[in-house]
Amino acid sequence: MKDQTGSRQTTQGPKSQTTPRGQFLNKKQLAALLGLSIFTIDSWVSQRREIPFVKMGKRVKFATEDVMEWIEKNKQYPIP
């Protein structure tokens, strides 16, 4: 957005803890997020196991919302 002088305004609101709906990660981004190799992500996709994914033509994408749900579902807590 531009102000009256024609300069670009940048607004930075508070960072949200929620992830936006409808955003997707590619294999490289997912591997970086989870601290895994792309090879591991490829293995999971080819075996159709672990994490949900979406095929978009030849590309494989991971819905951010699904990834966060998968992480929550797979959390392990210590035994008191």
Protein backbone atom coordinates (compact mmCIF):
# COMPACT_ATOMS: atom_id res chain seq x y z
CA MET A 1 0.00 0.00 0.00
CA LYS A 2 1.28 3.52 -0.74
CA ASP A 3 0.90 6.58 1.44
CA GLN A 4 0.19 10.13 0.23
CA THR A 5 3.85 10.75 -0.68
CA GLY A 6 3.91 7.70 -2.93
CA SER A 7 6.20 5.77 -0.60
CA ARG A 8 5.44 2.19 0.19
CA GLN A 9 4.11 1.54 3.65
CA THR A 10 5.05 -1.62 5.42
CA THR A 11 2.93 -2.80 8.26
CA GLN A 12 4.04 -5.57 10.49
CA GLY A 13 1.37 -6.77 12.83
CA PRO A 14 1.90 -9.19 15.67
CA LYS A 15 3.12 -12.61 14.59
CA SER A 16 0.42 -15.20 14.88
CA GLN A 17 0.91 -18.72 16.22
CA THR A 18 -1.70 -20.08 13.84
CA THR A 19 -0.82 -21.21 10.35
CA PRO A 20 -2.76 -19.81 7.41
CA ARG A 21 -5.24 -22.11 5.72
CA GLY A 22 -4.58 -23.05 2.14
CA GLN A 23 -0.80 -22.73 2.24
CA PHE A 24 1.40 -25.57 1.08
CA LEU A 25 4.97 -26.69 1.64
CA ASN A 26 7.13 -28.47 -0.89
CA LYS A 27 9.35 -31.42 0.04
CA LYS A 28 12.39 -29.24 0.66
CA GLN A 29 10.48 -26.89 2.97
CA LEU A 30 8.91 -29.80 4.85
CA ALA A 31 12.28 -31.52 5.28
CA ALA A 32 13.76 -28.30 6.69
CA LEU A 33 10.79 -27.79 9.04
CA LEU A 34 10.99 -31.34 10.41
CA GLY A 35 14.78 -31.64 10.37
CA LEU A 36 14.64 -34.61 8.03
CA SER A 37 16.23 -35.39 4.69
CA ILE A 38 14.38 -35.00 1.41
CA PHE A 39 15.13 -38.71 0.89
CA THR A 40 13.05 -39.52 4.00
CA ILE A 41 10.18 -37.35 2.78
CA ASP A 42 10.38 -39.05 -0.65
CA SER A 43 10.28 -42.46 1.05
CA TRP A 44 7.22 -41.55 3.09
CA VAL A 45 5.43 -40.24 -0.01
CA SER A 46 6.29 -43.28 -2.15
CA GLN A 47 5.10 -45.63 0.61
CA ARG A 48 2.05 -43.43 1.29
CA ARG A 49 2.80 -43.42 5.01
CA GLU A 50 3.32 -40.98 7.83
CA ILE A 51 2.35 -37.51 6.66
CA PRO A 52 -0.62 -36.51 4.46
CA PHE A 53 0.21 -35.02 1.07
CA VAL A 54 -1.48 -33.66 -2.04
CA LYS A 55 -0.47 -34.46 -5.61
CA MET A 56 -0.59 -31.41 -7.89
CA GLY A 57 0.26 -32.82 -11.26
CA LYS A 58 3.72 -34.30 -10.79
CA ARG A 59 4.41 -32.18 -7.73
CA VAL A 60 3.84 -33.27 -4.16
CA LYS A 61 2.74 -30.63 -1.68
CA PHE A 62 1.95 -30.72 2.01
CA ALA A 63 -0.84 -28.58 3.46
CA THR A 64 0.57 -26.53 6.33
CA GLU A 65 -2.56 -27.22 8.35
CA ASP A 66 -2.17 -31.01 7.88
CA VAL A 67 1.52 -30.88 8.83
CA MET A 68 0.77 -29.04 12.07
CA GLU A 69 -2.02 -31.51 12.93
CA TRP A 70 0.33 -34.43 12.18
CA ILE A 71 2.99 -32.95 14.48
CA GLU A 72 0.46 -32.51 17.30
CA LYS A 73 -0.89 -36.03 16.83
CA ASN A 74 2.60 -37.56 16.97
CA LYS A 75 3.86 -35.76 20.05
CA GLN A 76 5.20 -38.03 22.76
CA TYR A 77 5.14 -36.93 26.37
CA PRO A 78 7.37 -38.23 29.16
CA ILE A 79 5.89 -40.62 31.68
CA PRO A 80 5.64 -38.90 35.06
